[in-house]
Amino acid sequence: MRTTLASPGVLRAVTGAALYLTVLALLGFGLGAVLRSSAGAVAVLFGVLFVPTLLAALLPSSWQDAIGRYLPMNAGDAVYTVRPEAHMLGPWTGFGVFCLYAAAALAAGFALIGRRDA
């Protein structure tokens, strides 16, 4: 099966992938500002992305569907998925939730920089 940019959802997924990576970098930047350590920020970033998703898999399936869609990795995945699954958020809603995680990390980082380094 051939897919082109004119296929339904493909252009949004390509654009969404670029936006996702941009916000992912901002999330890492915010964590780096909080921790003041590059290596620590990378470790925490991967922990924030992967560990909640793995822990949610241990929950009952009714909880997985209710909680799992709002986890950072699952919310961000929605924007670059061409054929979303039934339990996922909508593409732009999921991206908005992912942006909230990045905004929280950036706000915490800027607040701590202002307090520690002023």
Protein backbone atom coordinates (compact mmCIF):
# COMPACT_ATOMS: atom_id res chain seq x y z
CA MET A 1 0.00 0.00 0.00
CA ARG A 2 1.47 3.34 -1.04
CA THR A 3 1.08 6.39 1.12
CA THR A 4 1.48 9.97 -0.06
CA LEU A 5 1.22 13.31 1.67
CA ALA A 6 -2.24 13.63 0.15
CA SER A 7 -3.46 10.52 1.99
CA PRO A 8 -5.78 11.25 4.91
CA GLY A 9 -3.87 12.14 8.08
CA VAL A 10 -0.38 11.84 6.61
CA LEU A 11 0.42 15.55 6.33
CA ARG A 12 -0.83 16.07 9.90
CA ALA A 13 1.33 13.17 11.10
CA VAL A 14 4.45 14.55 9.39
CA THR A 15 3.83 18.02 10.79
CA GLY A 16 2.93 16.52 14.16
CA ALA A 17 6.18 14.56 14.29
CA ALA A 18 8.17 17.78 13.89
CA LEU A 19 6.08 19.51 16.54
CA TYR A 20 6.40 16.51 18.87
CA LEU A 21 10.18 16.54 18.65
CA THR A 22 10.26 20.29 19.27
CA VAL A 23 8.13 20.00 22.40
CA LEU A 24 10.14 16.95 23.50
CA ALA A 25 13.30 19.08 23.32
CA LEU A 26 11.58 21.80 25.38
CA LEU A 27 10.56 19.20 27.95
CA GLY A 28 14.18 18.06 28.19
CA PHE A 29 15.33 21.68 28.45
CA GLY A 30 12.92 22.30 31.31
CA LEU A 31 14.11 19.19 33.13
CA GLY A 32 17.72 20.25 32.56
CA ALA A 33 16.97 23.63 34.10
CA VAL A 34 15.38 21.96 37.12
CA LEU A 35 18.19 19.45 37.64
CA ARG A 36 21.13 21.57 36.41
CA SER A 37 22.61 18.41 34.94
CA SER A 38 22.54 17.28 31.32
CA ALA A 39 22.97 13.60 32.10
CA GLY A 40 20.39 13.77 34.86
CA ALA A 41 17.92 15.53 32.57
CA VAL A 42 18.31 12.87 29.87
CA ALA A 43 17.80 10.08 32.43
CA VAL A 44 14.74 11.75 33.94
CA LEU A 45 13.32 12.54 30.50
CA PHE A 46 13.46 8.90 29.46
CA GLY A 47 12.08 7.92 32.86
CA VAL A 48 9.17 10.33 32.51
CA LEU A 49 8.41 9.03 29.03
CA PHE A 50 8.78 5.28 29.47
CA VAL A 51 8.29 4.32 33.14
CA PRO A 52 4.67 5.53 33.56
CA THR A 53 3.69 3.72 30.36
CA LEU A 54 5.26 0.50 31.63
CA LEU A 55 3.62 0.86 35.03
CA ALA A 56 0.24 1.56 33.45
CA ALA A 57 0.49 -1.78 31.65
CA LEU A 58 0.30 -3.45 35.07
CA LEU A 59 -3.06 -1.82 35.85
CA PRO A 60 -6.44 -3.39 35.05
CA SER A 61 -7.53 -2.75 31.47
CA SER A 62 -10.32 -0.35 32.47
CA TRP A 63 -7.76 1.82 34.29
CA GLN A 64 -5.27 1.54 31.43
CA ASP A 65 -7.77 3.08 29.02
CA ALA A 66 -8.74 5.85 31.46
CA ILE A 67 -5.28 6.81 32.68
CA GLY A 68 -2.95 5.62 29.92
CA ARG A 69 -4.12 8.13 27.32
CA TYR A 70 -2.93 11.05 29.48
CA LEU A 71 0.59 9.76 30.07
CA PRO A 72 3.29 11.83 28.35
CA MET A 73 4.38 9.23 25.82
CA ASN A 74 0.86 8.19 24.83
CA ALA A 75 -0.43 11.76 24.63
CA GLY A 76 2.47 12.84 22.44
CA ASP A 77 2.18 9.79 20.19
CA ALA A 78 -1.34 10.78 19.16
CA VAL A 79 -0.19 13.71 17.03
CA TYR A 80 2.04 11.68 14.71
CA THR A 81 -0.07 8.54 14.45
CA VAL A 82 -1.85 8.20 11.12
CA ARG A 83 -4.39 5.62 12.30
CA PRO A 84 -5.01 6.28 16.00
CA GLU A 85 -6.20 3.50 18.27
CA ALA A 86 -9.57 3.71 20.01
CA HIS A 87 -8.11 4.34 23.47
CA MET A 88 -5.87 7.25 22.36
CA LEU A 89 -6.69 10.94 22.64
CA GLY A 90 -7.37 12.90 19.47
CA PRO A 91 -4.26 14.12 17.66
CA TRP A 92 -4.35 17.77 18.73
CA THR A 93 -5.81 17.03 22.17
CA GLY A 94 -2.98 14.59 22.86
CA PHE A 95 -0.45 17.10 21.61
CA GLY A 96 -1.98 19.73 23.91
CA VAL A 97 -1.62 17.40 26.91
CA PHE A 98 1.99 16.73 25.94
CA CYS A 99 2.59 20.49 25.68
CA LEU A 100 1.24 20.90 29.22
CA TYR A 101 3.90 18.50 30.49
CA ALA A 102 6.59 20.54 28.74
CA ALA A 103 5.10 23.82 30.02
CA ALA A 104 5.13 22.48 33.58
CA ALA A 105 8.79 21.46 33.29
CA LEU A 106 9.75 24.81 31.76
CA ALA A 107 7.83 26.77 34.42
CA ALA A 108 9.50 24.80 37.20
CA GLY A 109 12.90 25.25 35.58
CA PHE A 110 12.52 29.00 35.13
CA ALA A 111 11.21 29.40 38.69
CA LEU A 112 14.15 27.49 40.12
CA ILE A 113 16.66 29.37 37.96
CA GLY A 114 15.21 32.65 39.20
CA ARG A 115 15.48 31.50 42.80
CA ARG A 116 18.87 29.73 42.68
CA ASP A 117 20.83 31.85 40.25
CA ALA A 118 19.48 35.34 40.90
